[in-house]
C-alpha atoms as a PDB file:
ATOM      1  CA  PHE A   1     -69.946 -70.605  38.082  1.00  0.00           C
ATOM      2  CA  ARG A   2     -67.181 -72.434  36.290  1.00  0.00           C
ATOM      3  CA  VAL A   3     -68.348 -71.091  32.904  1.00  0.00           C
ATOM      4  CA  THR A   4     -68.667 -67.543  34.269  1.00  0.00           C
ATOM      5  CA  ARG A   5     -65.182 -67.698  35.742  1.00  0.00           C
ATOM      6  CA  SER A   6     -63.725 -68.985  32.487  1.00  0.00           C
ATOM      7  CA  LEU A   7     -65.464 -66.251  30.454  1.00  0.00           C
ATOM      8  CA  LEU A   8     -64.324 -63.516  32.830  1.00  0.00           C
ATOM      9  CA  HIS A   9     -60.849 -65.035  33.146  1.00  0.00           C
ATOM     10  CA  ILE A  10     -61.144 -65.222  36.921  1.00  0.00           C
ATOM     11  CA  ARG A  11     -58.918 -67.772  38.552  1.00  0.00           C
ATOM     12  CA  GLU A  12     -60.092 -69.642  41.606  1.00  0.00           C
ATOM     13  CA  ALA A  13     -58.280 -68.623  44.730  1.00  0.00           C
ATOM     14  CA  GLU A  14     -56.134 -71.456  45.934  1.00  0.00           C
ATOM     15  CA  CYS A  15     -56.229 -72.466  49.540  1.00  0.00           C
ATOM     16  CA  PRO A  16     -53.140 -70.913  51.184  1.00  0.00           C
ATOM     17  CA  LEU A  17     -52.435 -74.176  53.017  1.00  0.00           C
ATOM     18  CA  GLN A  18     -52.720 -76.314  49.901  1.00  0.00           C
ATOM     19  CA  GLY A  19     -49.607 -78.439  49.626  1.00  0.00           C
ATOM     20  CA  ARG A  20     -48.113 -77.183  52.895  1.00  0.00           C
ATOM     21  CA  VAL A  21     -48.534 -80.513  54.646  1.00  0.00           C
ATOM     22  CA  GLU A  22     -46.873 -82.352  51.800  1.00  0.00           C
ATOM     23  CA  GLU A  23     -44.025 -79.817  51.735  1.00  0.00           C
ATOM     24  CA  PHE A  24     -43.498 -80.171  55.477  1.00  0.00           C
ATOM     25  CA  ALA A  25     -43.586 -83.977  55.294  1.00  0.00           C
ATOM     26  CA  GLN A  26     -41.031 -83.948  52.476  1.00  0.00           C
ATOM     27  CA  PHE A  27     -38.838 -81.438  54.341  1.00  0.00           C
ATOM     28  CA  LEU A  28     -38.942 -83.593  57.480  1.00  0.00           C
ATOM     29  CA  SER A  29     -38.230 -86.782  55.548  1.00  0.00           C
ATOM     30  CA  ASP A  30     -35.273 -85.177  53.758  1.00  0.00           C
ATOM     31  CA  LYS A  31     -33.886 -83.818  57.017  1.00  0.00           C
ATOM     32  CA  ILE A  32     -34.094 -87.229  58.721  1.00  0.00           C
ATOM     33  CA  THR A  33     -32.390 -88.872  55.749  1.00  0.00           C
ATOM     34  CA  ARG A  34     -29.659 -86.213  55.800  1.00  0.00           C
ATOM     35  CA  ILE A  35     -29.083 -86.685  59.549  1.00  0.00           C
ATOM     36  CA  ARG A  36     -28.892 -90.462  59.185  1.00  0.00           C
ATOM     37  CA  THR A  37     -26.442 -90.145  56.306  1.00  0.00           C
ATOM     38  CA  ASP A  38     -24.283 -87.691  58.255  1.00  0.00           C
ATOM     39  CA  LEU A  39     -24.294 -89.940  61.311  1.00  0.00           C
ATOM     40  CA  ASP A  40     -23.308 -92.962  59.253  1.00  0.00           C
ATOM     41  CA  SER A  41     -20.522 -91.086  57.438  1.00  0.00           C
ATOM     42  CA  ASP A  42     -19.141 -89.556  60.659  1.00  0.00           C
ATOM     43  CA  TRP A  43     -19.042 -92.875  62.469  1.00  0.00           C
ATOM     44  CA  THR A  44     -15.650 -94.436  62.302  1.00  0.00           C
ATOM     45  CA  GLY A  45     -14.798 -97.199  64.697  1.00  0.00           C
ATOM     46  CA  SER A  46     -11.804 -95.488  66.245  1.00  0.00           C
ATOM     47  CA  ALA A  47      -9.183 -97.560  68.027  1.00  0.00           C
ATOM     48  CA  GLU A  48      -9.945 -96.096  71.445  1.00  0.00           C
ATOM     49  CA  MET A  49     -13.637 -96.911  71.067  1.00  0.00           C
ATOM     50  CA  THR A  50     -13.073-100.506  70.029  1.00  0.00           C
ATOM     51  CA  GLY A  51     -10.571-101.224  72.781  1.00  0.00           C
ATOM     52  CA  GLY A  52     -11.468-103.558  75.611  1.00  0.00           C
ATOM     53  CA  GLY A  53     -10.632-100.904  78.208  1.00  0.00           C
ATOM     54  CA  LEU A  54     -14.221 -99.720  78.488  1.00  0.00           C
ATOM     55  CA  SER A  55     -16.078-101.267  81.376  1.00  0.00           C
ATOM     56  CA  GLN A  56     -19.642-102.319  80.860  1.00  0.00           C
ATOM     57  CA  VAL A  57     -22.122-101.195  83.476  1.00  0.00           C
ATOM     58  CA  LEU A  58     -24.963-103.611  84.039  1.00  0.00           C
ATOM     59  CA  TRP A  59     -27.824-102.249  86.066  1.00  0.00           C
ATOM     60  CA  ASN A  60     -29.527-105.327  87.379  1.00  0.00           C
ATOM     61  CA  GLU A  61     -30.510-103.881  90.725  1.00  0.00           C
ATOM     62  CA  PHE A  62     -32.084-100.551  91.609  1.00  0.00           C
ATOM     63  CA  GLU A  63     -32.507 -98.809  94.898  1.00  0.00           C
ATOM     64  CA  SER A  64     -36.145 -98.843  95.980  1.00  0.00           C
ATOM     65  CA  VAL A  65     -38.037 -95.580  95.939  1.00  0.00           C
ATOM     66  CA  THR A  66     -38.981 -94.248  99.359  1.00  0.00           C
ATOM     67  CA  PRO A  67     -42.200 -92.418 100.277  1.00  0.00           C
ATOM     68  CA  GLU A  68     -40.113 -89.251 100.625  1.00  0.00           C
ATOM     69  CA  ASP A  69     -38.838 -89.659  97.045  1.00  0.00           C
ATOM     70  CA  VAL A  70     -42.398 -89.997  95.766  1.00  0.00           C
ATOM     71  CA  ASP A  71     -43.558 -87.013  97.822  1.00  0.00           C
ATOM     72  CA  ARG A  72     -40.689 -84.900  96.480  1.00  0.00           C
ATOM     73  CA  ALA A  73     -41.464 -85.902  92.861  1.00  0.00           C
ATOM     74  CA  VAL A  74     -45.206 -85.277  93.229  1.00  0.00           C
ATOM     75  CA  GLY A  75     -44.489 -81.933  94.884  1.00  0.00           C
ATOM     76  CA  ALA A  76     -42.348 -80.897  91.907  1.00  0.00           C
ATOM     77  CA  MET A  77     -45.091 -81.814  89.405  1.00  0.00           C
ATOM     78  CA  SER A  78     -46.672 -79.160  87.251  1.00  0.00           C
ATOM     79  CA  ALA A  79     -50.313 -78.435  88.032  1.00  0.00           C
ATOM     80  CA  SER A  80     -51.262 -78.575  84.351  1.00  0.00           C
ATOM     81  CA  THR A  81     -53.251 -81.548  83.060  1.00  0.00           C
ATOM     82  CA  PHE A  82     -52.696 -83.314  79.742  1.00  0.00           C
ATOM     83  CA  LEU A  83     -55.269 -85.149  77.635  1.00  0.00           C
ATOM     84  CA  LEU A  84     -53.723 -88.570  78.358  1.00  0.00           C
ATOM     85  CA  ASP A  85     -53.714 -88.031  82.125  1.00  0.00           C
ATOM     86  CA  LEU A  86     -55.985 -90.532  83.795  1.00  0.00           C
ATOM     87  CA  CYS A  87     -56.526 -88.183  86.696  1.00  0.00           C
ATOM     88  CA  PRO A  88     -56.283 -84.376  86.806  1.00  0.00           C
ATOM     89  CA  SER A  89     -52.971 -83.161  88.234  1.00  0.00           C
ATOM     90  CA  TRP A  90     -54.674 -80.961  90.802  1.00  0.00           C
ATOM     91  CA  LEU A  91     -56.411 -84.047  92.217  1.00  0.00           C
ATOM     92  CA  VAL A  92     -53.152 -86.006  92.442  1.00  0.00           C
ATOM     93  CA  LEU A  93     -51.501 -83.067  94.201  1.00  0.00           C
ATOM     94  CA  ALA A  94     -54.441 -82.621  96.571  1.00  0.00           C
ATOM     95  CA  SER A  95     -54.460 -86.305  97.535  1.00  0.00           C
ATOM     96  CA  ARG A  96     -50.714 -86.825  97.941  1.00  0.00           C
ATOM     97  CA  GLU A  97     -51.104 -88.858 101.122  1.00  0.00           C
ATOM     98  CA  VAL A  98     -53.439 -91.326  99.391  1.00  0.00           C
ATOM     99  CA  THR A  99     -51.630 -91.602  96.048  1.00  0.00           C
ATOM    100  CA  GLN A 100     -48.157 -91.820  97.554  1.00  0.00           C
ATOM    101  CA  GLY A 101     -48.459 -95.512  98.470  1.00  0.00           C
ATOM    102  CA  TRP A 102     -49.635 -96.811  95.108  1.00  0.00           C
ATOM    103  CA  LEU A 103     -47.224 -94.590  93.187  1.00  0.00           C
ATOM    104  CA  GLN A 104     -44.370 -95.968  95.277  1.00  0.00           C
ATOM    105  CA  ALA A 105     -45.586 -99.534  94.662  1.00  0.00           C
ATOM    106  CA  LEU A 106     -45.886 -98.913  90.897  1.00  0.00           C
ATOM    107  CA  ILE A 107     -42.406 -97.406  90.607  1.00  0.00           C
ATOM    108  CA  ASN A 108     -40.737-100.082  92.734  1.00  0.00           C
ATOM    109  CA  ALA A 109     -42.515-102.895  90.858  1.00  0.00           C
ATOM    110  CA  SER A 110     -41.413-101.388  87.528  1.00  0.00           C
ATOM    111  CA  LEU A 111     -37.805-101.146  88.713  1.00  0.00           C
ATOM    112  CA  ARG A 112     -37.859-104.646  90.213  1.00  0.00           C
ATOM    113  CA  GLU A 113     -39.470-106.395  87.229  1.00  0.00           C
ATOM    114  CA  GLY A 114     -37.851-104.307  84.513  1.00  0.00           C
ATOM    115  CA  SER A 115     -41.160-103.549  82.826  1.00  0.00           C
ATOM    116  CA  PHE A 116     -43.673-100.738  82.745  1.00  0.00           C
ATOM    117  CA  PRO A 117     -47.471-101.143  82.418  1.00  0.00           C
ATOM    118  CA  GLN A 118     -48.492-101.059  78.751  1.00  0.00           C
ATOM    119  CA  PRO A 119     -51.424 -98.612  79.238  1.00  0.00           C
ATOM    120  CA  LEU A 120     -49.005 -96.038  80.650  1.00  0.00           C
ATOM    121  CA  LYS A 121     -46.716 -96.178  77.587  1.00  0.00           C
ATOM    122  CA  GLU A 122     -48.854 -93.875  75.446  1.00  0.00           C
ATOM    123  CA  ALA A 123     -47.638 -90.473  74.375  1.00  0.00           C
ATOM    124  CA  VAL A 124     -48.753 -87.614  72.185  1.00  0.00           C
ATOM    125  CA  VAL A 125     -46.020 -85.917  70.197  1.00  0.00           C
ATOM    126  CA  ARG A 126     -46.655 -82.437  68.898  1.00  0.00           C
ATOM    127  CA  PRO A 127     -43.979 -80.925  66.684  1.00  0.00           C
ATOM    128  CA  LEU A 128     -42.805 -77.479  67.646  1.00  0.00           C
ATOM    129  CA  LEU A 129     -42.263 -75.465  64.480  1.00  0.00           C
ATOM    130  CA  LYS A 130     -39.510 -72.921  64.875  1.00  0.00           C
ATOM    131  CA  LYS A 131     -40.034 -71.456  61.419  1.00  0.00           C
ATOM    132  CA  PRO A 132     -43.505 -70.001  60.895  1.00  0.00           C
ATOM    133  CA  SER A 133     -43.035 -70.310  57.133  1.00  0.00           C
ATOM    134  CA  LEU A 134     -43.326 -74.116  57.293  1.00  0.00           C
END
C-alpha cells in the first residue's frame, strides 16, 4: 500500500489527535511557569507584612464533632458515587444511624491526633478543559 500511495501521490491521513497531548502538556507547563514567575515578581516583602503586629494563630485544639454534626454532614452529601468510594453513597445515606458512630470516631481521632488515615488520602484529578480547541 505504501508503494501505491506514493505512485498515486496520496498522503496518509494524520490522526486528528496526533500531537494534541504534547501541545496540551506544553501549554500547561508554560502556564504554570508563567504563573510562578508572576507570583515571584509580584511578591515584595512590604513593611506592613513584615511587621511584628500580626498575631499568629496556633490551632492545637479542636472542638470535637458531635453526632448531630455528622448527621448534618451526611445528610448534605450528594447521592452520587465516585470510583474511589469504598462504599456506595446511597448505602452510607441509608445506614446513617450505623455509620454515624464510626464516622464521628474517625473525624475526632483525626482532629485529636493531627493525622488522617493514609488509605483515605487518595484522589483522582480530572482537568476540566474550558477551551474545546485544546
